[in-house]
Amino acid sequence: MTPSIEVAKKMASLLDTTVGYLLGETEQTNLLKDPSMLQRLNQISSLSDNDKHCILYTIDGLLQNVRTKQAFAK
């Protein structure tokens, strides 16, 4: 028997994980559980390729900056 997507979502919520993890699609248990992050990613995915590239380039730069700060803070 295969559960509906709603049942799978409820199971994932009860187990504090993601549907992707339950399906064996990822080893990460908390990948994209944050609804606001999912909403942002959906908004980005609906943009033109050029706009997506610019936004992701900016995010990559910000992430690199944070990783650099964390490396020097240790």
N, C-alpha and C. Protein backbone atom coordinates (compact mmCIF):
# COMPACT_ATOMS: atom_id res chain seq x y z
N MET A 1 0.84 -1.18 0.00
CA MET A 1 0.00 0.00 0.00
C MET A 1 0.89 1.24 0.00
N THR A 2 0.56 2.20 -0.81
CA THR A 2 1.30 3.45 -0.90
C THR A 2 0.49 4.57 -0.28
N PRO A 3 1.07 5.30 0.70
CA PRO A 3 0.32 6.40 1.34
C PRO A 3 0.15 7.58 0.39
N SER A 4 -0.90 8.34 0.62
CA SER A 4 -1.09 9.56 -0.16
C SER A 4 -0.02 10.57 0.24
N ILE A 5 0.14 11.61 -0.56
CA ILE A 5 1.14 12.64 -0.26
C ILE A 5 0.82 13.31 1.07
N GLU A 6 -0.45 13.47 1.37
CA GLU A 6 -0.83 14.10 2.65
C GLU A 6 -0.43 13.22 3.82
N VAL A 7 -0.62 11.92 3.70
CA VAL A 7 -0.22 11.00 4.76
C VAL A 7 1.30 11.01 4.90
N ALA A 8 2.00 11.03 3.76
CA ALA A 8 3.47 11.08 3.80
C ALA A 8 3.95 12.35 4.48
N LYS A 9 3.30 13.47 4.19
CA LYS A 9 3.67 14.74 4.84
C LYS A 9 3.46 14.66 6.35
N LYS A 10 2.33 14.10 6.76
CA LYS A 10 2.04 13.97 8.19
C LYS A 10 3.05 13.05 8.87
N MET A 11 3.38 11.95 8.21
CA MET A 11 4.37 11.03 8.77
C MET A 11 5.72 11.73 8.94
N ALA A 12 6.12 12.46 7.92
CA ALA A 12 7.40 13.17 7.98
C ALA A 12 7.38 14.19 9.12
N SER A 13 6.27 14.89 9.27
CA SER A 13 6.16 15.87 10.34
C SER A 13 6.24 15.20 11.71
N LEU A 14 5.54 14.11 11.88
CA LEU A 14 5.57 13.40 13.16
C LEU A 14 6.96 12.87 13.48
N LEU A 15 7.70 12.47 12.45
CA LEU A 15 9.04 11.93 12.64
C LEU A 15 10.11 13.01 12.59
N ASP A 16 9.69 14.26 12.43
CA ASP A 16 10.60 15.40 12.36
C ASP A 16 11.65 15.22 11.26
N THR A 17 11.17 14.86 10.07
CA THR A 17 12.05 14.69 8.92
C THR A 17 11.32 15.19 7.67
N THR A 18 11.79 14.80 6.51
CA THR A 18 11.17 15.23 5.25
C THR A 18 10.62 14.03 4.50
N VAL A 19 9.72 14.31 3.58
CA VAL A 19 9.18 13.25 2.73
C VAL A 19 10.31 12.65 1.90
N GLY A 20 11.21 13.48 1.42
CA GLY A 20 12.34 13.00 0.64
C GLY A 20 13.18 11.99 1.40
N TYR A 21 13.37 12.23 2.68
CA TYR A 21 14.13 11.30 3.51
C TYR A 21 13.37 9.98 3.65
N LEU A 22 12.06 10.08 3.88
CA LEU A 22 11.25 8.87 4.01
C LEU A 22 11.26 8.03 2.74
N LEU A 23 11.35 8.71 1.60
CA LEU A 23 11.35 8.01 0.31
C LEU A 23 12.74 7.51 -0.07
N GLY A 24 13.73 7.83 0.74
CA GLY A 24 15.08 7.39 0.45
C GLY A 24 15.78 8.24 -0.61
N GLU A 25 15.25 9.43 -0.87
CA GLU A 25 15.83 10.31 -1.88
C GLU A 25 17.03 11.08 -1.36
N THR A 26 17.18 11.15 -0.05
CA THR A 26 18.29 11.88 0.55
C THR A 26 18.65 11.25 1.89
N GLU A 27 19.87 11.46 2.29
CA GLU A 27 20.32 10.99 3.61
C GLU A 27 20.13 12.08 4.66
N GLN A 28 19.85 13.31 4.21
CA GLN A 28 19.70 14.43 5.12
C GLN A 28 18.27 14.47 5.65
N THR A 29 18.14 14.40 6.97
CA THR A 29 16.82 14.33 7.58
C THR A 29 16.10 15.67 7.66
N ASN A 30 16.84 16.78 7.57
CA ASN A 30 16.19 18.08 7.73
C ASN A 30 16.24 18.93 6.47
N LEU A 31 16.50 18.33 5.34
CA LEU A 31 16.63 19.05 4.09
C LEU A 31 15.32 19.75 3.72
N LEU A 32 15.36 21.06 3.67
CA LEU A 32 14.23 21.88 3.23
C LEU A 32 12.94 21.64 4.00
N LYS A 33 13.05 21.55 5.32
CA LYS A 33 11.85 21.43 6.15
C LYS A 33 11.22 22.80 6.41
N ASP A 34 11.99 23.85 6.25
CA ASP A 34 11.52 25.20 6.56
C ASP A 34 10.60 25.69 5.44
N PRO A 35 9.30 25.88 5.72
CA PRO A 35 8.36 26.30 4.69
C PRO A 35 8.73 27.63 4.03
N SER A 36 9.30 28.56 4.80
CA SER A 36 9.66 29.86 4.20
C SER A 36 10.80 29.70 3.21
N MET A 37 11.73 28.77 3.48
CA MET A 37 12.81 28.51 2.53
C MET A 37 12.26 27.86 1.27
N LEU A 38 11.34 26.94 1.42
CA LEU A 38 10.72 26.30 0.27
C LEU A 38 9.97 27.32 -0.57
N GLN A 39 9.28 28.24 0.08
CA GLN A 39 8.54 29.27 -0.64
C GLN A 39 9.51 30.14 -1.44
N ARG A 40 10.63 30.50 -0.83
CA ARG A 40 11.63 31.32 -1.54
C ARG A 40 12.19 30.58 -2.74
N LEU A 41 12.50 29.30 -2.56
CA LEU A 41 13.04 28.51 -3.67
C LEU A 41 12.02 28.39 -4.80
N ASN A 42 10.76 28.24 -4.46
CA ASN A 42 9.72 28.18 -5.49
C ASN A 42 9.62 29.51 -6.23
N GLN A 43 9.75 30.60 -5.51
CA GLN A 43 9.71 31.91 -6.16
C GLN A 43 10.89 32.08 -7.10
N ILE A 44 12.06 31.66 -6.67
CA ILE A 44 13.25 31.77 -7.51
C ILE A 44 13.09 30.89 -8.75
N SER A 45 12.56 29.69 -8.58
CA SER A 45 12.46 28.77 -9.71
C SER A 45 11.51 29.27 -10.79
N SER A 46 10.62 30.19 -10.45
CA SER A 46 9.68 30.71 -11.45
C SER A 46 10.25 31.91 -12.22
N LEU A 47 11.44 32.35 -11.88
CA LEU A 47 12.05 33.50 -12.55
C LEU A 47 12.74 33.09 -13.85
N SER A 48 13.13 34.09 -14.62
CA SER A 48 13.88 33.82 -15.84
C SER A 48 15.25 33.25 -15.49
N ASP A 49 15.86 32.55 -16.43
CA ASP A 49 17.17 31.96 -16.17
C ASP A 49 18.20 33.00 -15.75
N ASN A 50 18.16 34.17 -16.36
CA ASN A 50 19.11 35.22 -16.03
C ASN A 50 18.90 35.71 -14.59
N ASP A 51 17.65 35.93 -14.23
CA ASP A 51 17.36 36.37 -12.86
C ASP A 51 17.75 35.31 -11.84
N LYS A 52 17.46 34.02 -12.14
CA LYS A 52 17.86 32.94 -11.25
C LYS A 52 19.37 32.93 -11.07
N HIS A 53 20.09 33.07 -12.18
CA HIS A 53 21.56 33.07 -12.12
C HIS A 53 22.07 34.20 -11.21
N CYS A 54 21.52 35.39 -11.37
CA CYS A 54 21.95 36.54 -10.57
C CYS A 54 21.67 36.32 -9.08
N ILE A 55 20.49 35.82 -8.76
CA ILE A 55 20.14 35.59 -7.36
C ILE A 55 21.02 34.51 -6.75
N LEU A 56 21.21 33.40 -7.46
CA LEU A 56 22.03 32.31 -6.93
C LEU A 56 23.49 32.73 -6.82
N TYR A 57 23.98 33.54 -7.74
CA TYR A 57 25.34 34.06 -7.67
C TYR A 57 25.52 34.90 -6.40
N THR A 58 24.53 35.73 -6.11
CA THR A 58 24.57 36.57 -4.92
C THR A 58 24.52 35.72 -3.65
N ILE A 59 23.64 34.73 -3.63
CA ILE A 59 23.55 33.84 -2.47
C ILE A 59 24.86 33.10 -2.26
N ASP A 60 25.45 32.61 -3.36
CA ASP A 60 26.75 31.91 -3.25
C ASP A 60 27.81 32.81 -2.63
N GLY A 61 27.83 34.08 -3.02
CA GLY A 61 28.80 35.03 -2.47
C GLY A 61 28.57 35.26 -0.98
N LEU A 62 27.33 35.39 -0.59
CA LEU A 62 27.00 35.58 0.82
C LEU A 62 27.37 34.35 1.65
N LEU A 63 27.09 33.18 1.12
CA LEU A 63 27.45 31.94 1.83
C LEU A 63 28.97 31.82 1.98
N GLN A 64 29.70 32.16 0.94
CA GLN A 64 31.16 32.11 1.01
C GLN A 64 31.68 33.07 2.08
N ASN A 65 31.08 34.24 2.16
CA ASN A 65 31.46 35.22 3.17
C ASN A 65 31.25 34.66 4.58
N VAL A 66 30.11 34.04 4.81
CA VAL A 66 29.81 33.46 6.12
C VAL A 66 30.79 32.33 6.44
N ARG A 67 31.06 31.46 5.46
CA ARG A 67 32.00 30.36 5.70
C ARG A 67 33.40 30.88 6.02
N THR A 68 33.80 31.95 5.37
CA THR A 68 35.10 32.54 5.64
C THR A 68 35.16 33.09 7.06
N LYS A 69 34.11 33.80 7.47
CA LYS A 69 34.05 34.33 8.83
C LYS A 69 34.08 33.19 9.85
N GLN A 70 33.36 32.12 9.58
CA GLN A 70 33.34 31.00 10.51
C GLN A 70 34.71 30.34 10.60
N ALA A 71 35.41 30.24 9.49
CA ALA A 71 36.73 29.61 9.49
C ALA A 71 37.73 30.40 10.32
N PHE A 72 37.64 31.74 10.25
CA PHE A 72 38.58 32.57 11.00
C PHE A 72 38.15 32.74 12.45
N ALA A 73 36.93 32.43 12.77
CA ALA A 73 36.45 32.56 14.15
C ALA A 73 36.89 31.38 15.02
N LYS A 74 37.34 30.31 14.39
CA LYS A 74 37.72 29.11 15.15
C LYS A 74 39.06 29.23 15.75
